[in-house]
Each structure stands twice: as structure tokens, then as C-alpha cells.
Amino acid sequence: MKKVLLAGIIFSTMSSLAMAEDVKTWGATAELGGTMTTGNTETSTLKAKIDAKHTLMNWNNNYYADVLYSKDGDNDTASRWQIGAKGAYVLDESSSLFILGEYEQDKFSSYDAVSSVAAGYSHSFFKTEKDSLSVDIGPGMKHFKLMDGGSEDTGIVHLGLVYENALSATSKFTQIFVSDVAFDSEKATLSRSETAITANIFGELAMKVGVTIRHDNQAAFDKKSVDTETTVTLLYTF
């Protein structure tokens, strides 16, 4: 499955290069937050994320990485990282075809690692100066590396939704929803909701307050099916 994931990412990148002309436009945001206490209580938390976008004549590509780590004394309380890439071939102003690949490791989930690939259709229902809404849908495959060393595969339907609303000239609301619905009812359907408000501080620096909710409908008996993550981070756009 890792080979399939890598092939999907390489395909997206190489396709972009093949379609490129003289003009290439890159944009990225880097996000960082964390806390540390010492003395009677020793805790530390790190939240980091980078999101890069590459816009070409016929391709809109997105590359991202996300890390969350938390420690209380000598015990880890959170340890998760994820990488992914998405290539979208533009059909017209509101439609595109996408290919997506993701890989995630979460020490405190029901799985040692999860990887997925999907391809399908994206549609932008509206895009104005104030708000926008786009949806992805398409089939794919998900690979679960289990804690006991085994593995499982399942076909999925990938669903994605992104809504943005400009609350003011210096702030915006963002809602992202992603769900990989398993064809097999005995396999896990993993869903994620990300809600955030971002407000500019000055220049390209902003503050972001976000809540992420993750749901696993087949969580192990010793795991909760819902994880909630609340973060306050600084966001730099370049």
C-alpha cells in the first residue's frame, strides 16, 4: 500500500511538471503552537503544520504535513503525524479531477499506521469574495497496519468538504470535513472535522483557534471512538 501511496504522490507531481509552462505559483502556510511547564508539573505540547499549494495552468496541487506531540512527565499523551498530497486537474472554473494520497501514524489510535489513496471528482458550488464551498467524492483504497503486526485493506468512498467564510477583512472561518467510508461494514470508517477561526495579527502573521474531531466507528475496545483536539497556534503565510 505504501508503494501505491508513493506512486500516487509521484504521479501528481510529475503530471504537474509535465503540464507546467513558464509560470509557476507557490504559496504556503506554516503553523506552530506549543506549551511547556516545569516545576511541580512537567508537561509539553507541540503542534506544527505546513500546507503548500502549487498552481499551474491545468493543475492545482496541495502538499501538507501535520505533527502533534504531547508529554506529561515521562509519559507521552499524544503522538501523531501525517503527510499527504493532492493533485487536481482543472476541467473548468468549478470542476476538477483529483488524486489524493495520505499516510498517518498515531501512537494512541487503534492502528500502528493508516495509508490511503483515492481519486475522483471535485466541484466548487460557489466562490465569492466572502465565502466558498467545494466538495470531493471518489473511490479509493485504505490500508491499516495493525498493532499486532498484521494488516487490513478495504475499499472506500472518499468524501471531502471545505467551506470558508470571510468574517471580516482580517479574519475568516474555515470548516473542513473528510470521511473515508469503508465498503465493508466491518472495516473502519475514519472521519475528521476541522473547525477554525483565523485572525490576522499583522502582515503575514495570524492567530488560529481550531477544534479537530476525529471519529473511528470501529475503535478497539480499549480506545474511545471520538478524539477531540483544541489548539491555538500562530500561522505564517509566505
Protein backbone atom coordinates (compact mmCIF):
# COMPACT_ATOMS: atom_id res chain seq x y z
CA MET A 1 0.00 0.00 0.00
CA LYS A 2 2.90 2.37 0.73
CA LYS A 3 4.14 1.81 -2.85
CA VAL A 4 0.68 2.73 -4.18
CA LEU A 5 0.61 5.85 -1.99
CA LEU A 6 4.08 6.90 -3.15
CA ALA A 7 3.16 6.24 -6.77
CA GLY A 8 0.08 8.46 -6.43
CA ILE A 9 2.10 11.34 -4.99
CA ILE A 10 4.81 10.98 -7.64
CA PHE A 11 2.15 10.82 -10.37
CA SER A 12 0.59 14.04 -9.15
CA THR A 13 3.96 15.81 -9.00
CA MET A 14 5.18 14.58 -12.37
CA SER A 15 1.87 15.39 -14.04
CA SER A 16 2.12 18.92 -12.69
CA LEU A 17 5.61 19.35 -14.09
CA ALA A 18 4.54 17.99 -17.44
CA MET A 19 1.69 20.49 -17.70
CA ALA A 20 3.68 23.47 -16.45
CA GLU A 21 4.63 26.34 -18.71
CA ASP A 22 6.79 29.29 -17.77
CA VAL A 23 4.77 30.49 -14.80
CA LYS A 24 4.64 28.54 -11.56
CA THR A 25 2.91 29.90 -8.49
CA TRP A 26 3.69 28.60 -5.00
CA GLY A 27 2.00 29.57 -1.76
CA ALA A 28 2.34 28.10 1.71
CA THR A 29 1.34 28.48 5.34
CA ALA A 30 3.33 27.33 8.35
CA GLU A 31 1.55 26.78 11.65
CA LEU A 32 3.17 26.39 15.08
CA GLY A 33 1.96 26.23 18.67
CA GLY A 34 3.09 24.69 21.92
CA THR A 35 3.25 24.85 25.69
CA MET A 36 5.81 23.85 28.32
CA THR A 37 5.60 23.81 32.12
CA THR A 38 8.26 22.87 34.69
CA GLY A 39 8.38 22.58 38.45
CA ASN A 40 5.56 20.76 40.22
CA THR A 41 4.11 19.85 36.82
CA GLU A 42 6.20 18.95 33.79
CA THR A 43 4.25 18.96 30.56
CA SER A 44 4.99 19.89 26.96
CA THR A 45 2.91 20.08 23.79
CA LEU A 46 3.92 20.75 20.19
CA LYS A 47 1.58 21.39 17.26
CA ALA A 48 3.10 22.05 13.82
CA LYS A 49 1.68 22.05 10.31
CA ILE A 50 2.76 23.12 6.85
CA ASP A 51 0.44 23.44 3.88
CA ALA A 52 1.85 24.24 0.43
CA LYS A 53 -0.13 24.95 -2.75
CA HIS A 54 1.26 24.87 -6.29
CA THR A 55 -0.90 26.41 -9.02
CA LEU A 56 -0.14 25.62 -12.66
CA MET A 57 -2.00 26.15 -15.92
CA ASN A 58 -4.14 22.99 -15.59
CA TRP A 59 -3.19 21.67 -12.14
CA ASN A 60 -3.83 22.82 -8.57
CA ASN A 61 -1.65 20.80 -6.20
CA ASN A 62 -1.58 20.66 -2.41
CA TYR A 63 1.15 19.17 -0.18
CA TYR A 64 0.83 19.04 3.60
CA ALA A 65 2.34 17.68 6.81
CA ASP A 66 0.90 17.77 10.34
CA VAL A 67 2.50 16.90 13.70
CA LEU A 68 1.02 16.73 17.21
CA TYR A 69 3.09 15.68 20.23
CA SER A 70 2.31 15.97 23.92
CA LYS A 71 4.13 14.72 27.02
CA ASP A 72 3.20 14.70 30.70
CA GLY A 73 6.23 13.95 32.85
CA ASP A 74 7.81 10.81 31.41
CA ASN A 75 4.62 9.70 29.62
CA ASP A 76 3.60 10.54 26.09
CA THR A 77 -0.04 11.64 25.95
CA ALA A 78 -0.27 12.34 22.20
CA SER A 79 1.93 11.39 19.27
CA ARG A 80 0.55 11.79 15.76
CA TRP A 81 1.97 12.78 12.38
CA GLN A 82 0.51 12.85 8.90
CA ILE A 83 1.72 13.63 5.39
CA GLY A 84 -0.34 13.92 2.23
CA ALA A 85 -0.55 15.23 -1.32
CA LYS A 86 -3.43 16.05 -3.61
CA GLY A 87 -3.28 16.84 -7.32
CA ALA A 88 -6.33 18.34 -9.06
CA TYR A 89 -6.58 18.54 -12.85
CA VAL A 90 -8.78 21.53 -13.70
CA LEU A 91 -11.68 20.87 -16.07
CA ASP A 92 -13.35 24.27 -15.83
CA GLU A 93 -13.92 27.07 -13.31
CA SER A 94 -15.96 24.85 -10.97
CA SER A 95 -14.86 21.26 -11.71
CA SER A 96 -11.69 19.18 -11.49
CA LEU A 97 -10.44 15.60 -11.24
CA PHE A 98 -8.31 14.77 -8.20
CA ILE A 99 -5.88 12.12 -6.97
CA LEU A 100 -5.06 12.01 -3.26
CA GLY A 101 -2.60 10.13 -1.08
CA GLU A 102 -2.20 10.22 2.73
CA TYR A 103 -0.14 8.44 5.39
CA GLU A 104 -0.65 8.77 9.14
CA GLN A 105 0.85 7.30 12.29
CA ASP A 106 -0.91 7.78 15.64
CA LYS A 107 0.57 6.09 18.71
CA PHE A 108 -2.73 6.35 20.59
CA SER A 109 -5.13 5.18 17.89
CA SER A 110 -6.33 1.64 17.20
CA TYR A 111 -3.74 1.25 14.39
CA ASP A 112 0.02 1.45 14.03
CA ALA A 113 -0.38 3.31 10.72
CA VAL A 114 -3.05 4.14 8.15
CA SER A 115 -2.45 4.96 4.48
CA SER A 116 -4.92 5.70 1.70
CA VAL A 117 -5.23 6.64 -1.94
CA ALA A 118 -8.32 7.97 -3.70
CA ALA A 119 -9.28 9.58 -6.99
CA GLY A 120 -12.45 11.26 -8.13
CA TYR A 121 -14.34 14.45 -8.89
CA SER A 122 -14.22 17.86 -7.21
CA HIS A 123 -16.87 20.54 -7.60
CA SER A 124 -16.96 24.12 -6.39
CA PHE A 125 -20.59 25.02 -5.67
CA PHE A 126 -19.82 28.70 -5.22
CA LYS A 127 -16.85 31.01 -4.75
CA THR A 128 -17.32 34.68 -3.95
CA GLU A 129 -15.22 37.35 -2.24
CA LYS A 130 -16.97 36.44 1.03
CA ASP A 131 -17.28 32.66 1.02
CA SER A 132 -16.73 29.42 -0.92
CA LEU A 133 -17.79 25.77 -0.80
CA SER A 134 -16.17 22.81 -2.56
CA VAL A 135 -16.77 19.06 -2.35
CA ASP A 136 -14.69 15.97 -3.30
CA ILE A 137 -16.04 12.47 -3.94
CA GLY A 138 -14.39 9.37 -5.33
CA PRO A 139 -13.38 5.73 -4.75
CA GLY A 140 -10.14 4.60 -3.19
CA MET A 141 -8.30 2.09 -1.00
CA LYS A 142 -7.29 2.22 2.65
CA HIS A 143 -4.55 0.15 4.29
CA PHE A 144 -4.44 -0.41 8.06
CA LYS A 145 -1.22 -1.58 9.72
CA LEU A 146 -2.39 -3.19 12.95
CA MET A 147 -0.72 -3.04 16.36
CA ASP A 148 -0.19 -6.84 16.37
CA GLY A 149 1.84 -6.66 13.17
CA GLY A 150 -0.97 -7.70 10.83
CA SER A 151 -2.71 -5.57 8.21
CA GLU A 152 -6.10 -5.00 6.62
CA ASP A 153 -7.24 -3.43 3.35
CA THR A 154 -10.62 -2.05 2.38
CA GLY A 155 -12.20 -0.16 -0.48
CA ILE A 156 -13.53 3.28 0.44
CA VAL A 157 -15.55 6.19 -0.82
CA HIS A 158 -13.62 9.37 -0.09
CA LEU A 159 -15.77 12.39 0.83
CA GLY A 160 -14.36 15.84 1.42
CA LEU A 161 -15.89 19.26 2.08
CA VAL A 162 -14.22 22.65 2.50
CA TYR A 163 -16.18 25.79 3.44
CA GLU A 164 -14.57 29.20 4.01
CA ASN A 165 -16.22 32.44 5.10
CA ALA A 166 -14.57 35.84 5.39
CA LEU A 167 -15.86 37.14 8.70
CA SER A 168 -14.10 40.47 8.19
CA ALA A 169 -11.22 41.96 6.24
CA THR A 170 -8.75 40.38 8.69
CA SER A 171 -10.45 37.16 9.83
CA LYS A 172 -12.05 34.05 8.36
CA PHE A 173 -13.95 30.93 9.39
CA THR A 174 -12.98 27.55 7.92
CA GLN A 175 -14.82 24.22 8.11
CA ILE A 176 -13.24 21.05 6.70
CA PHE A 177 -14.89 17.63 6.79
CA VAL A 178 -13.25 14.44 5.50
CA SER A 179 -14.59 10.88 5.67
CA ASP A 180 -13.28 7.65 4.14
CA VAL A 181 -16.37 5.45 4.17
CA ALA A 182 -15.43 1.74 4.09
CA PHE A 183 -17.23 -0.53 1.62
CA ASP A 184 -17.07 -3.32 4.23
CA SER A 185 -19.21 -2.52 7.28
CA GLU A 186 -16.78 -4.49 9.48
CA LYS A 187 -13.87 -2.25 8.49
CA ALA A 188 -13.25 1.19 9.97
CA THR A 189 -14.74 4.36 8.55
CA LEU A 190 -12.48 7.22 9.64
CA SER A 191 -13.87 10.76 9.69
CA ARG A 192 -12.38 14.12 10.62
CA SER A 193 -13.93 17.54 11.21
CA GLU A 194 -11.73 20.64 11.45
CA THR A 195 -13.27 23.94 12.54
CA ALA A 196 -11.10 27.06 12.78
CA ILE A 197 -11.14 30.83 13.04
CA THR A 198 -8.07 32.70 11.80
CA ALA A 199 -7.38 36.37 12.57
CA ASN A 200 -4.51 38.45 11.23
CA ILE A 201 -2.18 39.98 13.83
CA PHE A 202 -0.01 41.99 11.45
CA GLY A 203 1.41 41.47 8.00
CA GLU A 204 1.52 37.78 7.11
CA LEU A 205 1.26 36.63 10.75
CA ALA A 206 -2.08 35.39 12.10
CA MET A 207 -3.52 33.59 15.11
CA LYS A 208 -5.60 30.47 14.61
CA VAL A 209 -8.00 28.81 17.05
CA GLY A 210 -9.10 25.37 15.92
CA VAL A 211 -11.06 22.32 17.04
CA THR A 212 -10.48 18.96 15.36
CA ILE A 213 -12.80 16.00 15.99
CA ARG A 214 -11.80 12.52 14.79
CA HIS A 215 -14.18 9.57 14.69
CA ASP A 216 -13.43 5.85 14.25
CA ASN A 217 -16.57 3.71 14.11
CA GLN A 218 -14.52 0.52 14.69
CA ALA A 219 -12.27 1.70 17.53
CA ALA A 220 -10.60 -1.00 19.64
CA PHE A 221 -12.33 -1.92 22.91
CA ASP A 222 -9.73 0.00 24.93
CA LYS A 223 -9.95 3.12 22.72
CA LYS A 224 -12.56 5.86 22.50
CA SER A 225 -14.29 6.30 19.16
CA VAL A 226 -14.04 10.11 19.28
CA ASP A 227 -10.89 12.21 19.76
CA THR A 228 -11.07 15.98 20.23
CA GLU A 229 -8.12 18.34 19.74
CA THR A 230 -8.28 22.07 20.57
CA THR A 231 -5.34 24.24 19.53
CA VAL A 232 -4.22 27.85 19.49
CA THR A 233 -1.39 28.44 17.03
CA LEU A 234 0.46 31.13 15.12
CA LEU A 235 0.10 30.99 11.35
CA TYR A 236 2.55 32.50 8.88
CA THR A 237 1.75 32.83 5.18
CA PHE A 238 4.50 33.06 2.60
